[in-house]
N, C-alpha and C. Protein backbone atom coordinates (compact mmCIF):
# COMPACT_ATOMS: atom_id res chain seq x y z
N MET A 1 0.85 -1.19 0.00
CA MET A 1 0.00 0.00 0.00
C MET A 1 0.88 1.23 0.00
N MET A 2 0.59 2.12 -0.96
CA MET A 2 1.40 3.34 -1.06
C MET A 2 0.72 4.46 -0.31
N ILE A 3 1.48 5.20 0.41
CA ILE A 3 0.96 6.34 1.18
C ILE A 3 1.56 7.61 0.61
N TRP A 4 0.65 8.58 0.17
CA TRP A 4 1.11 9.85 -0.39
C TRP A 4 1.27 10.86 0.73
N ALA A 5 2.34 11.54 0.75
CA ALA A 5 2.58 12.56 1.77
C ALA A 5 2.87 13.87 1.08
N PRO A 6 2.46 15.00 1.65
CA PRO A 6 2.75 16.31 1.05
C PRO A 6 4.25 16.53 0.93
N LEU A 7 4.65 17.13 -0.18
CA LEU A 7 6.06 17.39 -0.42
C LEU A 7 6.48 18.59 0.42
N LYS A 8 7.53 18.43 1.18
CA LYS A 8 8.01 19.51 2.04
C LYS A 8 9.19 20.20 1.37
N ILE A 9 9.09 21.52 1.23
CA ILE A 9 10.15 22.30 0.60
C ILE A 9 10.79 23.18 1.66
N GLY A 10 12.09 23.16 1.69
CA GLY A 10 12.80 23.97 2.65
C GLY A 10 12.61 25.45 2.40
N ASN A 11 12.78 26.27 3.44
CA ASN A 11 12.60 27.71 3.32
C ASN A 11 13.52 28.30 2.26
N LYS A 12 14.77 27.85 2.21
CA LYS A 12 15.72 28.42 1.26
C LYS A 12 15.29 28.12 -0.17
N LEU A 13 14.86 26.84 -0.43
CA LEU A 13 14.42 26.48 -1.77
C LEU A 13 13.14 27.23 -2.14
N CYS A 14 12.26 27.40 -1.17
CA CYS A 14 11.00 28.12 -1.42
C CYS A 14 11.28 29.56 -1.83
N ARG A 15 12.23 30.21 -1.15
CA ARG A 15 12.58 31.59 -1.50
C ARG A 15 13.15 31.66 -2.91
N LYS A 16 13.98 30.66 -3.28
CA LYS A 16 14.56 30.65 -4.62
C LYS A 16 13.50 30.50 -5.69
N LEU A 17 12.52 29.63 -5.43
CA LEU A 17 11.44 29.44 -6.39
C LEU A 17 10.59 30.71 -6.52
N THR A 18 10.38 31.40 -5.42
CA THR A 18 9.61 32.64 -5.44
C THR A 18 10.32 33.70 -6.26
N ILE A 19 11.62 33.85 -6.03
CA ILE A 19 12.41 34.83 -6.79
C ILE A 19 12.39 34.50 -8.27
N LEU A 20 12.53 33.20 -8.59
CA LEU A 20 12.51 32.78 -9.99
C LEU A 20 11.17 33.13 -10.64
N GLY A 21 10.08 32.92 -9.91
CA GLY A 21 8.76 33.25 -10.44
C GLY A 21 8.62 34.74 -10.71
N VAL A 22 9.13 35.57 -9.81
CA VAL A 22 9.07 37.02 -9.98
C VAL A 22 9.86 37.43 -11.22
N LEU A 23 11.06 36.83 -11.40
CA LEU A 23 11.88 37.17 -12.55
C LEU A 23 11.19 36.78 -13.86
N VAL A 24 10.54 35.63 -13.88
CA VAL A 24 9.83 35.19 -15.09
C VAL A 24 8.69 36.14 -15.41
N LEU A 25 7.93 36.51 -14.39
CA LEU A 25 6.81 37.44 -14.61
C LEU A 25 7.31 38.80 -15.06
N THR A 26 8.40 39.27 -14.51
CA THR A 26 8.96 40.56 -14.90
C THR A 26 9.42 40.54 -16.35
N ALA A 27 10.06 39.43 -16.72
CA ALA A 27 10.54 39.31 -18.10
C ALA A 27 9.38 39.31 -19.08
N CYS A 28 8.30 38.61 -18.72
CA CYS A 28 7.14 38.55 -19.61
C CYS A 28 6.48 39.91 -19.75
N GLY A 29 6.43 40.67 -18.68
CA GLY A 29 5.77 41.97 -18.72
C GLY A 29 6.63 43.08 -19.26
N GLY A 30 7.93 42.85 -19.44
CA GLY A 30 8.81 43.92 -19.86
C GLY A 30 9.25 43.83 -21.31
N GLY A 31 8.55 43.02 -22.12
CA GLY A 31 8.92 42.87 -23.52
C GLY A 31 8.47 44.04 -24.36
N PRO A 32 8.76 43.98 -25.69
CA PRO A 32 8.35 45.07 -26.59
C PRO A 32 6.85 45.27 -26.58
N ARG A 33 6.43 46.51 -26.72
CA ARG A 33 5.00 46.83 -26.77
C ARG A 33 4.63 47.30 -28.17
N ASP A 34 3.41 47.02 -28.57
CA ASP A 34 2.93 47.48 -29.87
C ASP A 34 2.81 49.00 -29.88
N SER A 35 3.20 49.60 -30.97
CA SER A 35 3.05 51.05 -31.17
C SER A 35 2.16 51.28 -32.39
N TYR A 36 1.30 52.32 -32.32
CA TYR A 36 0.36 52.61 -33.38
C TYR A 36 0.57 54.04 -33.85
N TYR A 37 0.51 54.24 -35.18
CA TYR A 37 0.90 55.51 -35.77
C TYR A 37 -0.23 56.10 -36.61
N LEU A 38 -0.34 57.42 -36.53
CA LEU A 38 -1.19 58.20 -37.43
C LEU A 38 -0.31 58.94 -38.41
N LEU A 39 -0.86 59.29 -39.57
CA LEU A 39 -0.13 60.17 -40.46
C LEU A 39 0.03 61.53 -39.81
N GLY A 40 1.14 62.20 -40.07
CA GLY A 40 1.31 63.56 -39.56
C GLY A 40 0.41 64.53 -40.31
N ASP A 41 0.31 65.74 -39.79
CA ASP A 41 -0.49 66.76 -40.45
C ASP A 41 0.09 67.07 -41.83
N LEU A 42 -0.76 67.01 -42.84
CA LEU A 42 -0.32 67.33 -44.19
C LEU A 42 -0.30 68.85 -44.38
N THR A 43 0.51 69.30 -45.32
CA THR A 43 0.60 70.73 -45.61
C THR A 43 -0.74 71.24 -46.13
N PRO A 44 -1.28 72.32 -45.57
CA PRO A 44 -2.56 72.84 -46.06
C PRO A 44 -2.46 73.22 -47.54
N PRO A 45 -3.35 72.71 -48.38
CA PRO A 45 -3.26 73.00 -49.81
C PRO A 45 -3.79 74.39 -50.12
N ALA A 46 -3.33 74.94 -51.23
CA ALA A 46 -3.91 76.20 -51.71
C ALA A 46 -5.30 75.91 -52.26
N PRO A 47 -6.20 76.89 -52.25
CA PRO A 47 -7.53 76.69 -52.83
C PRO A 47 -7.41 76.24 -54.28
N LEU A 48 -8.26 75.31 -54.67
CA LEU A 48 -8.23 74.79 -56.02
C LEU A 48 -8.51 75.90 -57.02
N GLU A 49 -7.61 76.06 -57.96
CA GLU A 49 -7.77 77.10 -58.97
C GLU A 49 -8.98 76.77 -59.84
N GLY A 50 -9.91 77.71 -59.92
CA GLY A 50 -11.14 77.49 -60.69
C GLY A 50 -12.24 76.81 -59.90
N GLY A 51 -11.95 76.40 -58.66
CA GLY A 51 -12.93 75.70 -57.83
C GLY A 51 -13.81 76.65 -57.05
N PRO A 52 -14.74 76.13 -56.28
CA PRO A 52 -15.00 74.69 -56.16
C PRO A 52 -15.79 74.15 -57.35
N ILE A 53 -15.62 72.86 -57.58
CA ILE A 53 -16.41 72.18 -58.60
C ILE A 53 -17.82 71.99 -58.04
N GLU A 54 -18.81 72.35 -58.83
CA GLU A 54 -20.19 72.27 -58.35
C GLU A 54 -20.61 70.81 -58.23
N GLY A 55 -21.11 70.45 -57.06
CA GLY A 55 -21.61 69.09 -56.86
C GLY A 55 -20.94 68.39 -55.69
N THR A 56 -21.33 67.13 -55.50
CA THR A 56 -20.85 66.30 -54.39
C THR A 56 -19.93 65.22 -54.92
N ILE A 57 -18.78 65.06 -54.27
CA ILE A 57 -17.87 63.97 -54.63
C ILE A 57 -17.84 62.95 -53.50
N ASP A 58 -17.92 61.69 -53.89
CA ASP A 58 -17.92 60.58 -52.95
C ASP A 58 -16.52 59.95 -52.94
N VAL A 59 -15.97 59.73 -51.73
CA VAL A 59 -14.60 59.19 -51.61
C VAL A 59 -14.64 57.95 -50.73
N PRO A 60 -14.69 56.76 -51.32
CA PRO A 60 -14.60 55.54 -50.51
C PRO A 60 -13.16 55.25 -50.08
N ALA A 61 -13.00 54.27 -49.22
CA ALA A 61 -11.66 53.85 -48.81
C ALA A 61 -10.86 53.39 -50.03
N PHE A 62 -9.58 53.68 -50.03
CA PHE A 62 -8.71 53.26 -51.13
C PHE A 62 -8.57 51.74 -51.12
N ARG A 63 -8.47 51.17 -52.30
CA ARG A 63 -8.19 49.74 -52.41
C ARG A 63 -6.68 49.52 -52.29
N ALA A 64 -6.32 48.34 -51.85
CA ALA A 64 -4.91 47.95 -51.77
C ALA A 64 -4.84 46.44 -51.68
N ALA A 65 -3.91 45.84 -52.38
CA ALA A 65 -3.83 44.38 -52.45
C ALA A 65 -2.94 43.82 -51.35
N GLY A 66 -3.34 42.66 -50.85
CA GLY A 66 -2.50 41.89 -49.93
C GLY A 66 -2.06 42.66 -48.70
N ILE A 67 -0.78 42.50 -48.36
CA ILE A 67 -0.27 43.08 -47.12
C ILE A 67 -0.11 44.59 -47.20
N VAL A 68 -0.25 45.18 -48.39
CA VAL A 68 -0.15 46.64 -48.50
C VAL A 68 -1.24 47.31 -47.67
N ASN A 69 -2.38 46.65 -47.51
CA ASN A 69 -3.48 47.25 -46.75
C ASN A 69 -3.57 46.73 -45.33
N GLU A 70 -2.56 45.99 -44.88
CA GLU A 70 -2.55 45.56 -43.49
C GLU A 70 -1.95 46.66 -42.61
N ARG A 71 -2.25 46.60 -41.32
CA ARG A 71 -1.87 47.69 -40.43
C ARG A 71 -0.38 47.69 -40.08
N ALA A 72 0.27 46.56 -40.17
CA ALA A 72 1.72 46.53 -39.90
C ALA A 72 2.45 47.37 -40.95
N ILE A 73 3.35 48.24 -40.51
CA ILE A 73 4.10 49.10 -41.42
C ILE A 73 5.08 48.25 -42.22
N LEU A 74 5.10 48.49 -43.53
CA LEU A 74 5.92 47.68 -44.43
C LEU A 74 7.31 48.28 -44.65
N PHE A 75 8.27 47.41 -44.84
CA PHE A 75 9.58 47.87 -45.29
C PHE A 75 10.10 46.90 -46.35
N ARG A 76 10.92 47.42 -47.25
CA ARG A 76 11.50 46.60 -48.31
C ARG A 76 12.80 46.00 -47.81
N SER A 77 12.82 44.69 -47.70
CA SER A 77 14.00 44.00 -47.17
C SER A 77 14.91 43.47 -48.27
N GLY A 78 14.48 43.57 -49.52
CA GLY A 78 15.29 43.14 -50.66
C GLY A 78 14.65 43.64 -51.94
N PRO A 79 15.31 43.49 -53.07
CA PRO A 79 14.78 44.00 -54.33
C PRO A 79 13.36 43.52 -54.63
N ASN A 80 13.06 42.28 -54.26
CA ASN A 80 11.75 41.71 -54.54
C ASN A 80 11.08 41.15 -53.29
N GLN A 81 11.40 41.76 -52.15
CA GLN A 81 10.89 41.21 -50.89
C GLN A 81 10.42 42.33 -49.97
N LEU A 82 9.20 42.15 -49.47
CA LEU A 82 8.64 43.07 -48.48
C LEU A 82 8.51 42.34 -47.14
N ALA A 83 8.61 43.09 -46.07
CA ALA A 83 8.43 42.54 -44.73
C ALA A 83 7.66 43.54 -43.88
N GLN A 84 7.17 43.07 -42.76
CA GLN A 84 6.39 43.91 -41.85
C GLN A 84 7.18 44.16 -40.58
N TYR A 85 7.19 45.41 -40.13
CA TYR A 85 7.82 45.72 -38.85
C TYR A 85 7.04 45.05 -37.72
N SER A 86 7.75 44.38 -36.83
CA SER A 86 7.11 43.83 -35.64
C SER A 86 6.82 44.97 -34.66
N TYR A 87 5.64 44.96 -34.09
CA TYR A 87 5.22 45.89 -33.03
C TYR A 87 4.93 47.31 -33.54
N HIS A 88 5.03 47.57 -34.84
CA HIS A 88 4.78 48.92 -35.37
C HIS A 88 3.64 48.84 -36.39
N HIS A 89 2.53 49.51 -36.05
CA HIS A 89 1.32 49.39 -36.85
C HIS A 89 0.72 50.77 -37.15
N TRP A 90 0.05 50.88 -38.29
CA TRP A 90 -0.79 52.04 -38.54
C TRP A 90 -2.02 51.97 -37.64
N PHE A 91 -2.55 53.12 -37.28
CA PHE A 91 -3.75 53.16 -36.43
C PHE A 91 -4.94 52.53 -37.15
N GLU A 92 -5.00 52.71 -38.46
CA GLU A 92 -6.03 52.11 -39.29
C GLU A 92 -5.36 51.53 -40.55
N PRO A 93 -6.05 50.66 -41.29
CA PRO A 93 -5.46 50.18 -42.54
C PRO A 93 -5.12 51.34 -43.47
N PRO A 94 -4.03 51.26 -44.23
CA PRO A 94 -3.61 52.36 -45.09
C PRO A 94 -4.70 52.86 -46.04
N GLY A 95 -5.56 51.96 -46.54
CA GLY A 95 -6.62 52.40 -47.44
C GLY A 95 -7.55 53.40 -46.79
N ILE A 96 -7.80 53.24 -45.50
CA ILE A 96 -8.65 54.18 -44.77
C ILE A 96 -7.88 55.44 -44.41
N LEU A 97 -6.61 55.30 -44.07
CA LEU A 97 -5.78 56.47 -43.78
C LEU A 97 -5.74 57.41 -44.98
N LEU A 98 -5.57 56.85 -46.18
CA LEU A 98 -5.51 57.69 -47.38
C LEU A 98 -6.87 58.27 -47.73
N GLN A 99 -7.91 57.51 -47.49
CA GLN A 99 -9.26 58.05 -47.70
C GLN A 99 -9.47 59.30 -46.85
N ARG A 100 -9.14 59.22 -45.58
CA ARG A 100 -9.32 60.37 -44.69
C ARG A 100 -8.42 61.53 -45.11
N ALA A 101 -7.20 61.21 -45.50
CA ALA A 101 -6.23 62.26 -45.86
C ALA A 101 -6.66 63.01 -47.11
N ILE A 102 -7.13 62.30 -48.13
CA ILE A 102 -7.49 63.00 -49.37
C ILE A 102 -8.83 63.73 -49.22
N LYS A 103 -9.73 63.19 -48.39
CA LYS A 103 -10.97 63.93 -48.10
C LYS A 103 -10.64 65.26 -47.43
N ASP A 104 -9.76 65.22 -46.46
CA ASP A 104 -9.36 66.45 -45.77
C ASP A 104 -8.69 67.42 -46.73
N THR A 105 -7.88 66.89 -47.64
CA THR A 105 -7.21 67.75 -48.63
C THR A 105 -8.24 68.42 -49.55
N LEU A 106 -9.21 67.67 -50.02
CA LEU A 106 -10.24 68.24 -50.90
C LEU A 106 -11.06 69.30 -50.18
N LEU A 107 -11.37 69.05 -48.92
CA LEU A 107 -12.13 70.02 -48.14
C LEU A 107 -11.34 71.30 -47.93
N ARG A 108 -10.07 71.16 -47.56
CA ARG A 108 -9.26 72.35 -47.28
C ARG A 108 -8.92 73.12 -48.54
N ALA A 109 -8.92 72.41 -49.68
CA ALA A 109 -8.67 73.09 -50.95
C ALA A 109 -9.95 73.66 -51.55
N ASN A 110 -11.08 73.44 -50.88
CA ASN A 110 -12.36 73.90 -51.39
C ASN A 110 -12.56 73.43 -52.83
N ALA A 111 -12.29 72.14 -53.05
CA ALA A 111 -12.28 71.60 -54.40
C ALA A 111 -13.68 71.28 -54.93
N PHE A 112 -14.59 70.87 -54.04
CA PHE A 112 -15.96 70.53 -54.42
C PHE A 112 -16.92 71.17 -53.43
N ASP A 113 -18.17 71.32 -53.86
CA ASP A 113 -19.18 71.86 -52.94
C ASP A 113 -19.31 70.98 -51.70
N VAL A 114 -19.35 69.66 -51.91
CA VAL A 114 -19.51 68.71 -50.81
C VAL A 114 -18.56 67.54 -51.03
N VAL A 115 -17.87 67.16 -49.96
CA VAL A 115 -16.99 65.98 -49.98
C VAL A 115 -17.53 65.00 -48.96
N THR A 116 -17.84 63.78 -49.41
CA THR A 116 -18.50 62.82 -48.52
C THR A 116 -17.90 61.44 -48.71
N SER A 117 -18.47 60.46 -48.01
CA SER A 117 -18.04 59.07 -48.11
C SER A 117 -19.28 58.18 -48.24
N PRO A 118 -19.13 56.96 -48.73
CA PRO A 118 -20.29 56.11 -49.00
C PRO A 118 -21.19 55.86 -47.80
N GLU A 119 -20.61 55.90 -46.59
CA GLU A 119 -21.40 55.61 -45.40
C GLU A 119 -22.57 56.57 -45.22
N LEU A 120 -22.44 57.79 -45.73
CA LEU A 120 -23.51 58.79 -45.56
C LEU A 120 -24.61 58.63 -46.60
N ARG A 121 -24.36 57.85 -47.64
CA ARG A 121 -25.38 57.52 -48.64
C ARG A 121 -26.01 58.77 -49.27
N LEU A 122 -25.20 59.76 -49.56
CA LEU A 122 -25.70 60.96 -50.23
C LEU A 122 -25.64 60.76 -51.75
N ASP A 123 -26.52 61.44 -52.45
CA ASP A 123 -26.43 61.43 -53.91
C ASP A 123 -25.12 62.06 -54.32
N ARG A 124 -24.42 61.45 -55.25
CA ARG A 124 -23.11 61.95 -55.63
C ARG A 124 -23.10 62.34 -57.10
N ASP A 125 -22.35 63.39 -57.39
CA ASP A 125 -22.14 63.82 -58.77
C ASP A 125 -20.82 63.30 -59.32
N TYR A 126 -19.85 63.11 -58.40
CA TYR A 126 -18.52 62.63 -58.78
C TYR A 126 -18.10 61.53 -57.81
N GLU A 127 -17.15 60.74 -58.27
CA GLU A 127 -16.61 59.68 -57.42
C GLU A 127 -15.09 59.65 -57.58
N LEU A 128 -14.39 59.59 -56.45
CA LEU A 128 -12.93 59.46 -56.46
C LEU A 128 -12.58 58.06 -55.98
N LEU A 129 -11.80 57.36 -56.78
CA LEU A 129 -11.35 56.02 -56.41
C LEU A 129 -9.83 56.01 -56.33
N GLY A 130 -9.32 55.34 -55.32
CA GLY A 130 -7.87 55.23 -55.16
C GLY A 130 -7.45 53.77 -55.07
N ASN A 131 -6.31 53.46 -55.64
CA ASN A 131 -5.74 52.11 -55.57
C ASN A 131 -4.29 52.24 -55.11
N LEU A 132 -4.06 51.92 -53.85
CA LEU A 132 -2.72 52.05 -53.26
C LEU A 132 -1.87 50.85 -53.68
N GLN A 133 -0.78 51.12 -54.37
CA GLN A 133 0.05 50.04 -54.92
C GLN A 133 1.35 49.84 -54.15
N ARG A 134 1.94 50.92 -53.67
CA ARG A 134 3.15 50.81 -52.84
C ARG A 134 3.05 51.81 -51.69
N PHE A 135 3.45 51.33 -50.50
CA PHE A 135 3.38 52.18 -49.30
C PHE A 135 4.40 51.61 -48.33
N GLU A 136 5.69 51.91 -48.59
CA GLU A 136 6.75 51.17 -47.91
C GLU A 136 7.95 52.04 -47.56
N HIS A 137 8.63 51.61 -46.51
CA HIS A 137 9.89 52.20 -46.07
C HIS A 137 11.03 51.39 -46.68
N VAL A 138 12.06 52.07 -47.14
CA VAL A 138 13.24 51.38 -47.70
C VAL A 138 14.44 51.72 -46.82
N PRO A 139 14.72 50.93 -45.79
CA PRO A 139 15.81 51.24 -44.86
C PRO A 139 17.17 51.32 -45.54
N ALA A 140 17.39 50.56 -46.61
CA ALA A 140 18.71 50.51 -47.25
C ALA A 140 19.18 51.88 -47.68
N ASN A 141 18.25 52.73 -48.16
CA ASN A 141 18.64 54.10 -48.52
C ASN A 141 17.82 55.14 -47.78
N SER A 142 17.17 54.70 -46.69
CA SER A 142 16.41 55.60 -45.82
C SER A 142 15.43 56.46 -46.62
N SER A 143 14.56 55.78 -47.36
CA SER A 143 13.59 56.51 -48.18
C SER A 143 12.20 55.91 -48.02
N ILE A 144 11.22 56.64 -48.52
CA ILE A 144 9.82 56.23 -48.51
C ILE A 144 9.33 56.18 -49.95
N VAL A 145 8.66 55.09 -50.30
CA VAL A 145 8.10 54.96 -51.64
C VAL A 145 6.58 54.81 -51.52
N VAL A 146 5.86 55.69 -52.21
CA VAL A 146 4.40 55.61 -52.26
C VAL A 146 3.97 55.68 -53.72
N GLU A 147 3.11 54.77 -54.09
CA GLU A 147 2.56 54.75 -55.45
C GLU A 147 1.06 54.49 -55.35
N VAL A 148 0.27 55.38 -55.93
CA VAL A 148 -1.18 55.26 -55.83
C VAL A 148 -1.84 55.72 -57.11
N GLU A 149 -2.79 54.96 -57.57
CA GLU A 149 -3.59 55.35 -58.73
C GLU A 149 -4.83 56.07 -58.23
N ILE A 150 -5.11 57.24 -58.80
CA ILE A 150 -6.28 58.03 -58.41
C ILE A 150 -7.11 58.32 -59.65
N SER A 151 -8.40 58.08 -59.55
CA SER A 151 -9.31 58.41 -60.64
C SER A 151 -10.48 59.21 -60.11
N VAL A 152 -10.94 60.14 -60.92
CA VAL A 152 -12.14 60.92 -60.61
C VAL A 152 -13.05 60.84 -61.83
N ARG A 153 -14.30 60.50 -61.61
CA ARG A 153 -15.24 60.42 -62.72
C ARG A 153 -16.53 61.15 -62.37
N ARG A 154 -17.16 61.68 -63.40
CA ARG A 154 -18.50 62.25 -63.25
C ARG A 154 -19.49 61.11 -63.38
N VAL A 155 -20.37 60.97 -62.38
CA VAL A 155 -21.29 59.83 -62.37
C VAL A 155 -22.22 59.88 -63.58
N GLU A 156 -22.80 61.03 -63.87
CA GLU A 156 -23.68 61.16 -65.02
C GLU A 156 -22.86 61.01 -66.31
N GLY A 157 -23.20 60.03 -67.07
CA GLY A 157 -22.46 59.78 -68.30
C GLY A 157 -21.17 59.01 -68.08
N ASN A 158 -20.85 58.70 -66.81
CA ASN A 158 -19.64 57.94 -66.48
C ASN A 158 -18.41 58.51 -67.18
N LYS A 159 -18.24 59.83 -67.07
CA LYS A 159 -17.14 60.51 -67.75
C LYS A 159 -15.93 60.63 -66.83
N GLY A 160 -14.80 60.12 -67.26
CA GLY A 160 -13.59 60.21 -66.47
C GLY A 160 -12.94 61.58 -66.57
N LEU A 161 -12.53 62.11 -65.43
CA LEU A 161 -11.84 63.41 -65.39
C LEU A 161 -10.35 63.23 -65.14
N VAL A 162 -10.02 62.35 -64.22
CA VAL A 162 -8.61 62.09 -63.87
C VAL A 162 -8.41 60.59 -63.81
N LEU A 163 -7.34 60.11 -64.37
CA LEU A 163 -6.91 58.72 -64.20
C LEU A 163 -5.39 58.72 -64.33
N LYS A 164 -4.73 58.61 -63.18
CA LYS A 164 -3.28 58.75 -63.18
C LYS A 164 -2.67 57.99 -62.01
N THR A 165 -1.49 57.43 -62.25
CA THR A 165 -0.73 56.81 -61.18
C THR A 165 0.33 57.79 -60.70
N TYR A 166 0.27 58.12 -59.42
CA TYR A 166 1.20 59.06 -58.80
C TYR A 166 2.23 58.27 -58.01
N SER A 167 3.50 58.55 -58.26
CA SER A 167 4.57 57.80 -57.60
C SER A 167 5.65 58.76 -57.13
N VAL A 168 6.04 58.61 -55.87
CA VAL A 168 7.11 59.45 -55.31
C VAL A 168 8.06 58.59 -54.50
N ASP A 169 9.30 59.02 -54.44
CA ASP A 169 10.34 58.39 -53.65
C ASP A 169 11.05 59.52 -52.92
N VAL A 170 10.81 59.62 -51.60
CA VAL A 170 11.34 60.75 -50.83
C VAL A 170 12.23 60.24 -49.71
N PRO A 171 13.22 61.02 -49.30
CA PRO A 171 14.06 60.60 -48.18
C PRO A 171 13.31 60.67 -46.85
N ALA A 172 13.53 59.69 -46.01
CA ALA A 172 12.99 59.76 -44.64
C ALA A 172 13.87 60.70 -43.83
N PRO A 173 13.26 61.55 -42.99
CA PRO A 173 14.04 62.54 -42.24
C PRO A 173 14.73 61.94 -41.02
N GLY A 174 15.46 60.84 -41.20
CA GLY A 174 16.15 60.23 -40.08
C GLY A 174 16.02 58.72 -40.13
N GLN A 175 16.45 58.06 -39.07
CA GLN A 175 16.41 56.61 -38.98
C GLN A 175 15.22 56.17 -38.13
N GLY A 176 14.80 54.94 -38.32
CA GLY A 176 13.77 54.37 -37.47
C GLY A 176 12.37 54.60 -38.00
N VAL A 177 11.41 53.97 -37.31
CA VAL A 177 10.02 54.00 -37.76
C VAL A 177 9.40 55.38 -37.61
N ASP A 178 9.71 56.09 -36.54
CA ASP A 178 9.17 57.44 -36.36
C ASP A 178 9.51 58.34 -37.55
N ALA A 179 10.75 58.29 -37.98
CA ALA A 179 11.17 59.09 -39.13
C ALA A 179 10.47 58.61 -40.41
N ALA A 180 10.28 57.30 -40.52
CA ALA A 180 9.59 56.76 -41.69
C ALA A 180 8.17 57.28 -41.77
N VAL A 181 7.47 57.34 -40.65
CA VAL A 181 6.09 57.84 -40.64
C VAL A 181 6.03 59.29 -41.11
N SER A 182 6.99 60.10 -40.68
CA SER A 182 7.06 61.49 -41.17
C SER A 182 7.29 61.52 -42.68
N GLY A 183 8.09 60.59 -43.18
CA GLY A 183 8.35 60.51 -44.60
C GLY A 183 7.10 60.15 -45.40
N PHE A 184 6.25 59.28 -44.85
CA PHE A 184 5.00 58.94 -45.53
C PHE A 184 4.12 60.18 -45.69
N SER A 185 4.06 61.03 -44.66
CA SER A 185 3.27 62.25 -44.75
C SER A 185 3.81 63.19 -45.83
N LYS A 186 5.13 63.30 -45.91
CA LYS A 186 5.76 64.14 -46.94
C LYS A 186 5.43 63.62 -48.33
N ALA A 187 5.47 62.30 -48.50
CA ALA A 187 5.17 61.70 -49.80
C ALA A 187 3.73 62.00 -50.22
N LEU A 188 2.81 61.91 -49.28
CA LEU A 188 1.41 62.20 -49.61
C LEU A 188 1.20 63.68 -49.90
N ASP A 189 1.94 64.54 -49.22
CA ASP A 189 1.89 65.98 -49.55
C ASP A 189 2.18 66.20 -51.03
N LEU A 190 3.24 65.57 -51.52
CA LEU A 190 3.65 65.75 -52.91
C LEU A 190 2.61 65.16 -53.87
N ILE A 191 2.10 63.99 -53.55
CA ILE A 191 1.12 63.34 -54.42
C ILE A 191 -0.17 64.15 -54.50
N PHE A 192 -0.67 64.58 -53.36
CA PHE A 192 -1.94 65.31 -53.36
C PHE A 192 -1.81 66.67 -54.04
N ALA A 193 -0.64 67.32 -53.88
CA ALA A 193 -0.42 68.60 -54.56
C ALA A 193 -0.44 68.40 -56.08
N GLU A 194 0.18 67.33 -56.56
CA GLU A 194 0.18 67.05 -58.00
C GLU A 194 -1.22 66.72 -58.48
N PHE A 195 -1.96 65.97 -57.68
CA PHE A 195 -3.34 65.62 -58.04
C PHE A 195 -4.21 66.87 -58.15
N LEU A 196 -4.10 67.78 -57.20
CA LEU A 196 -4.90 69.01 -57.25
C LEU A 196 -4.54 69.85 -58.47
N THR A 197 -3.26 69.87 -58.82
CA THR A 197 -2.85 70.59 -60.03
C THR A 197 -3.50 69.98 -61.26
N ASP A 198 -3.49 68.65 -61.36
CA ASP A 198 -4.14 67.97 -62.49
C ASP A 198 -5.64 68.28 -62.53
N LEU A 199 -6.26 68.29 -61.35
CA LEU A 199 -7.69 68.58 -61.30
C LEU A 199 -7.99 70.00 -61.74
N SER A 200 -7.16 70.95 -61.34
CA SER A 200 -7.40 72.35 -61.73
C SER A 200 -7.21 72.55 -63.23
N VAL A 201 -6.25 71.82 -63.83
CA VAL A 201 -6.03 71.93 -65.28
C VAL A 201 -7.25 71.42 -66.03
N ILE A 202 -7.85 70.34 -65.53
CA ILE A 202 -9.04 69.79 -66.19
C ILE A 202 -10.21 70.77 -66.08
N ILE A 203 -10.35 71.41 -64.92
CA ILE A 203 -11.43 72.37 -64.73
C ILE A 203 -11.28 73.55 -65.69
N SER A 204 -10.07 74.06 -65.77
CA SER A 204 -9.84 75.23 -66.62
C SER A 204 -10.04 74.91 -68.09
N GLY A 205 -9.88 73.63 -68.46
CA GLY A 205 -10.04 73.27 -69.87
C GLY A 205 -11.44 72.80 -70.22
N SER A 206 -12.30 72.68 -69.20
CA SER A 206 -13.64 72.18 -69.48
C SER A 206 -14.61 73.29 -69.81
């Protein structure tokens, strides 16, 4: 017949086990933490020359394929290889970040009478569609690459006004993810300024 008895641990061993447990818990709680980023404030645009365009423009979230639209910030780790930064994420998917950014740009440029999004279900006269193709940090040369196709069409008659792929490669103002985020804002400044110029040329020629 076997008799089970409680295991007795000496005070010294008990103290060692307690200290070990504290160290394990401290190590688990002291690891890297996730960080979330917003785009910086974009440069206020000049009023659209010849604007505002009469009518309402609808701006849905930009499309983006695969990991380009995931919240983890992307970096180019090789000529044909992309990777995601661990613990560094956009506050929202890039397609939504760009939607908000270009809506704000159109509003501040007084480009249209009304700038809205599909959620409000307003009748629209124009529609802006964006397709984000590249949105990445390139640590090898400390630069930011953004490439996005933007189209604007008049709903009545389905007439296209703008259809262009905008691509910029700008230096990041320093090392690390914080500097990269600032670089993304600078890249969008340049793209949106070029887009507004294209829009104003179309207005003046119509």
